[in-house]
Amino acid sequence: MFHVLIGTYTQPAEVVEKTRPAHLAWLSEEVGAGRLLVAGRQESGLGGLLFSADISTEDVADIIARDPYTLAGVATYQRVSFNGAVRADGL
């Protein structure tokens, strides 16, 4: 399964920014390991989006649990899972 993670900040921007460096390092690690494909802030500035590789629901739950934003309580995630029946070469 592929997963879209819709992150929503639960704290003011200045609180989120304190955790941002650790969050970005974590994202780089997850992308480098191939578990996440792409991630970025929403244009609205109210949260972010993460797109996972073809991984299990359990693995994506573990990814969310290890996010510094989750650990610091500054963001929550909604997960939308899909089968990715039509995909680009290499995925």
N, C-alpha and C. Protein backbone atom coordinates (compact mmCIF):
# COMPACT_ATOMS: atom_id res chain seq x y z
N MET A 1 0.83 -1.19 0.00
CA MET A 1 0.00 0.00 0.00
C MET A 1 0.88 1.25 0.00
N PHE A 2 0.41 2.23 -0.74
CA PHE A 2 0.99 3.56 -0.66
C PHE A 2 0.14 4.35 0.33
N HIS A 3 0.71 5.40 0.90
CA HIS A 3 0.01 6.18 1.90
C HIS A 3 0.31 7.66 1.70
N VAL A 4 -0.73 8.47 1.82
CA VAL A 4 -0.58 9.92 1.88
C VAL A 4 -0.81 10.30 3.33
N LEU A 5 0.14 10.99 3.91
CA LEU A 5 0.02 11.45 5.29
C LEU A 5 -0.21 12.95 5.26
N ILE A 6 -1.34 13.36 5.80
CA ILE A 6 -1.69 14.77 5.83
C ILE A 6 -1.44 15.28 7.24
N GLY A 7 -0.39 16.06 7.38
CA GLY A 7 -0.01 16.58 8.68
C GLY A 7 -0.68 17.92 8.96
N THR A 8 -1.13 18.09 10.19
CA THR A 8 -1.74 19.35 10.63
C THR A 8 -1.03 19.81 11.88
N TYR A 9 -0.53 21.05 11.86
CA TYR A 9 0.13 21.59 13.04
C TYR A 9 -0.91 21.83 14.13
N THR A 10 -0.54 21.49 15.36
CA THR A 10 -1.44 21.64 16.50
C THR A 10 -0.96 22.72 17.45
N GLN A 11 0.16 23.34 17.11
CA GLN A 11 0.75 24.39 17.93
C GLN A 11 1.05 25.60 17.05
N PRO A 12 1.25 26.78 17.64
CA PRO A 12 1.60 27.96 16.85
C PRO A 12 2.92 27.75 16.10
N ALA A 13 3.07 28.51 15.01
CA ALA A 13 4.24 28.37 14.13
C ALA A 13 5.56 28.47 14.88
N GLU A 14 5.66 29.35 15.85
CA GLU A 14 6.93 29.52 16.57
C GLU A 14 7.28 28.27 17.38
N VAL A 15 6.29 27.54 17.83
CA VAL A 15 6.53 26.28 18.56
C VAL A 15 6.95 25.19 17.56
N VAL A 16 6.26 25.12 16.43
CA VAL A 16 6.60 24.14 15.39
C VAL A 16 8.04 24.35 14.91
N GLU A 17 8.43 25.60 14.71
CA GLU A 17 9.77 25.92 14.18
C GLU A 17 10.89 25.40 15.08
N LYS A 18 10.66 25.32 16.37
CA LYS A 18 11.69 24.81 17.29
C LYS A 18 12.01 23.34 17.01
N THR A 19 11.03 22.60 16.53
CA THR A 19 11.21 21.17 16.26
C THR A 19 11.56 20.90 14.80
N ARG A 20 11.45 21.91 13.95
CA ARG A 20 11.65 21.74 12.50
C ARG A 20 13.00 21.13 12.13
N PRO A 21 14.14 21.56 12.70
CA PRO A 21 15.42 20.95 12.31
C PRO A 21 15.45 19.43 12.54
N ALA A 22 14.93 18.98 13.66
CA ALA A 22 14.89 17.54 13.94
C ALA A 22 13.94 16.83 12.98
N HIS A 23 12.82 17.48 12.67
CA HIS A 23 11.85 16.91 11.73
C HIS A 23 12.46 16.77 10.34
N LEU A 24 13.19 17.80 9.88
CA LEU A 24 13.82 17.74 8.56
C LEU A 24 14.89 16.66 8.49
N ALA A 25 15.65 16.50 9.57
CA ALA A 25 16.66 15.43 9.61
C ALA A 25 15.98 14.07 9.55
N TRP A 26 14.89 13.91 10.28
CA TRP A 26 14.12 12.67 10.26
C TRP A 26 13.57 12.39 8.86
N LEU A 27 13.03 13.43 8.20
CA LEU A 27 12.52 13.26 6.84
C LEU A 27 13.62 12.79 5.89
N SER A 28 14.79 13.40 5.99
CA SER A 28 15.92 13.00 5.14
C SER A 28 16.27 11.54 5.35
N GLU A 29 16.23 11.10 6.59
CA GLU A 29 16.52 9.70 6.91
C GLU A 29 15.48 8.77 6.29
N GLU A 30 14.22 9.12 6.41
CA GLU A 30 13.13 8.29 5.87
C GLU A 30 13.17 8.24 4.34
N VAL A 31 13.45 9.38 3.70
CA VAL A 31 13.56 9.40 2.24
C VAL A 31 14.78 8.60 1.81
N GLY A 32 15.90 8.77 2.50
CA GLY A 32 17.12 8.03 2.18
C GLY A 32 16.95 6.53 2.31
N ALA A 33 16.12 6.11 3.26
CA ALA A 33 15.86 4.68 3.47
C ALA A 33 14.82 4.14 2.49
N GLY A 34 14.20 5.04 1.72
CA GLY A 34 13.21 4.61 0.74
C GLY A 34 11.81 4.42 1.27
N ARG A 35 11.56 4.79 2.52
CA ARG A 35 10.22 4.63 3.09
C ARG A 35 9.28 5.77 2.70
N LEU A 36 9.84 6.97 2.55
CA LEU A 36 9.07 8.11 2.06
C LEU A 36 9.60 8.51 0.70
N LEU A 37 8.70 8.93 -0.19
CA LEU A 37 9.08 9.33 -1.54
C LEU A 37 9.23 10.83 -1.68
N VAL A 38 8.34 11.57 -1.06
CA VAL A 38 8.35 13.03 -1.16
C VAL A 38 7.62 13.60 0.05
N ALA A 39 8.04 14.79 0.47
CA ALA A 39 7.41 15.45 1.61
C ALA A 39 7.57 16.95 1.45
N GLY A 40 6.63 17.70 2.01
CA GLY A 40 6.74 19.15 1.97
C GLY A 40 5.61 19.81 2.71
N ARG A 41 5.82 21.10 2.97
CA ARG A 41 4.79 21.89 3.65
C ARG A 41 3.63 22.18 2.72
N GLN A 42 2.46 22.24 3.29
CA GLN A 42 1.29 22.67 2.53
C GLN A 42 1.45 24.14 2.21
N GLU A 43 0.96 24.56 1.06
CA GLU A 43 1.05 25.95 0.67
C GLU A 43 0.40 26.86 1.70
N SER A 44 -0.62 26.37 2.37
CA SER A 44 -1.33 27.16 3.39
C SER A 44 -0.49 27.43 4.62
N GLY A 45 0.57 26.61 4.83
CA GLY A 45 1.39 26.75 6.03
C GLY A 45 0.78 26.11 7.26
N LEU A 46 -0.31 25.39 7.09
CA LEU A 46 -1.00 24.79 8.23
C LEU A 46 -0.56 23.37 8.55
N GLY A 47 0.36 22.84 7.75
CA GLY A 47 0.82 21.47 7.96
C GLY A 47 1.66 21.02 6.79
N GLY A 48 1.73 19.71 6.59
CA GLY A 48 2.54 19.17 5.51
C GLY A 48 1.94 17.91 4.93
N LEU A 49 2.54 17.45 3.84
CA LEU A 49 2.13 16.21 3.19
C LEU A 49 3.33 15.31 3.03
N LEU A 50 3.13 14.03 3.26
CA LEU A 50 4.17 13.03 3.04
C LEU A 50 3.56 11.92 2.20
N PHE A 51 4.33 11.44 1.22
CA PHE A 51 3.90 10.33 0.38
C PHE A 51 4.84 9.17 0.63
N SER A 52 4.29 8.04 1.03
CA SER A 52 5.13 6.89 1.35
C SER A 52 5.39 6.03 0.13
N ALA A 53 6.39 5.20 0.25
CA ALA A 53 6.64 4.13 -0.71
C ALA A 53 5.58 3.06 -0.49
N ASP A 54 5.68 1.97 -1.22
CA ASP A 54 4.75 0.85 -1.09
C ASP A 54 5.15 0.05 0.15
N ILE A 55 4.58 0.44 1.30
CA ILE A 55 4.92 -0.17 2.58
C ILE A 55 3.65 -0.55 3.33
N SER A 56 3.81 -1.31 4.38
CA SER A 56 2.66 -1.77 5.15
C SER A 56 2.08 -0.65 6.01
N THR A 57 0.84 -0.85 6.42
CA THR A 57 0.18 0.08 7.34
C THR A 57 0.94 0.15 8.66
N GLU A 58 1.48 -0.98 9.10
CA GLU A 58 2.25 -1.01 10.35
C GLU A 58 3.52 -0.18 10.22
N ASP A 59 4.19 -0.28 9.07
CA ASP A 59 5.41 0.50 8.86
C ASP A 59 5.12 2.00 8.84
N VAL A 60 4.01 2.38 8.21
CA VAL A 60 3.70 3.81 8.15
C VAL A 60 3.31 4.31 9.54
N ALA A 61 2.66 3.49 10.35
CA ALA A 61 2.34 3.89 11.72
C ALA A 61 3.62 4.10 12.52
N ASP A 62 4.62 3.25 12.29
CA ASP A 62 5.91 3.40 12.96
C ASP A 62 6.61 4.68 12.51
N ILE A 63 6.53 4.99 11.23
CA ILE A 63 7.12 6.23 10.71
C ILE A 63 6.51 7.43 11.42
N ILE A 64 5.20 7.47 11.49
CA ILE A 64 4.51 8.59 12.14
C ILE A 64 4.92 8.68 13.61
N ALA A 65 5.01 7.56 14.28
CA ALA A 65 5.34 7.54 15.71
C ALA A 65 6.75 8.08 15.98
N ARG A 66 7.67 7.93 15.01
CA ARG A 66 9.05 8.38 15.20
C ARG A 66 9.28 9.82 14.75
N ASP A 67 8.30 10.44 14.14
CA ASP A 67 8.44 11.82 13.68
C ASP A 67 8.63 12.75 14.88
N PRO A 68 9.67 13.58 14.87
CA PRO A 68 9.85 14.54 15.96
C PRO A 68 8.64 15.45 16.18
N TYR A 69 7.89 15.76 15.13
CA TYR A 69 6.68 16.56 15.31
C TYR A 69 5.66 15.79 16.15
N THR A 70 5.51 14.50 15.90
CA THR A 70 4.61 13.67 16.69
C THR A 70 5.09 13.59 18.13
N LEU A 71 6.38 13.31 18.29
CA LEU A 71 6.95 13.16 19.64
C LEU A 71 6.84 14.44 20.46
N ALA A 72 6.94 15.60 19.79
CA ALA A 72 6.84 16.89 20.49
C ALA A 72 5.39 17.36 20.63
N GLY A 73 4.46 16.66 20.01
CA GLY A 73 3.06 17.04 20.10
C GLY A 73 2.70 18.30 19.33
N VAL A 74 3.44 18.59 18.25
CA VAL A 74 3.17 19.81 17.48
C VAL A 74 2.42 19.53 16.18
N ALA A 75 2.19 18.25 15.86
CA ALA A 75 1.45 17.91 14.64
C ALA A 75 0.76 16.56 14.81
N THR A 76 -0.32 16.40 14.09
CA THR A 76 -1.01 15.12 14.00
C THR A 76 -1.12 14.76 12.52
N TYR A 77 -1.35 13.48 12.24
CA TYR A 77 -1.43 13.02 10.86
C TYR A 77 -2.73 12.28 10.60
N GLN A 78 -3.29 12.54 9.43
CA GLN A 78 -4.38 11.73 8.88
C GLN A 78 -3.73 10.87 7.80
N ARG A 79 -4.00 9.58 7.80
CA ARG A 79 -3.43 8.67 6.81
C ARG A 79 -4.50 8.26 5.81
N VAL A 80 -4.19 8.40 4.52
CA VAL A 80 -5.04 7.91 3.45
C VAL A 80 -4.23 6.87 2.69
N SER A 81 -4.69 5.63 2.69
CA SER A 81 -3.97 4.54 2.04
C SER A 81 -4.63 4.20 0.71
N PHE A 82 -3.81 3.80 -0.26
CA PHE A 82 -4.35 3.42 -1.57
C PHE A 82 -3.44 2.37 -2.20
N ASN A 83 -3.98 1.62 -3.16
CA ASN A 83 -3.24 0.48 -3.70
C ASN A 83 -2.26 0.84 -4.80
N GLY A 84 -2.30 2.02 -5.36
CA GLY A 84 -1.33 2.42 -6.37
C GLY A 84 -1.36 1.54 -7.61
N ALA A 85 -2.56 1.19 -8.08
CA ALA A 85 -2.70 0.28 -9.21
C ALA A 85 -2.06 0.84 -10.48
N VAL A 86 -2.12 2.15 -10.68
CA VAL A 86 -1.49 2.80 -11.83
C VAL A 86 -0.37 3.66 -11.28
N ARG A 87 0.85 3.40 -11.74
CA ARG A 87 1.99 4.11 -11.19
C ARG A 87 3.08 4.31 -12.23
N ALA A 88 3.97 5.26 -11.96
CA ALA A 88 5.10 5.53 -12.84
C ALA A 88 6.10 4.38 -12.77
N ASP A 89 6.87 4.21 -13.83
CA ASP A 89 7.93 3.21 -13.82
C ASP A 89 8.86 3.46 -12.64
N GLY A 90 9.30 2.42 -12.02
CA GLY A 90 10.20 2.54 -10.88
C GLY A 90 9.51 2.56 -9.54
N LEU A 91 8.22 2.75 -9.53
CA LEU A 91 7.47 2.72 -8.28
C LEU A 91 6.78 1.38 -8.18
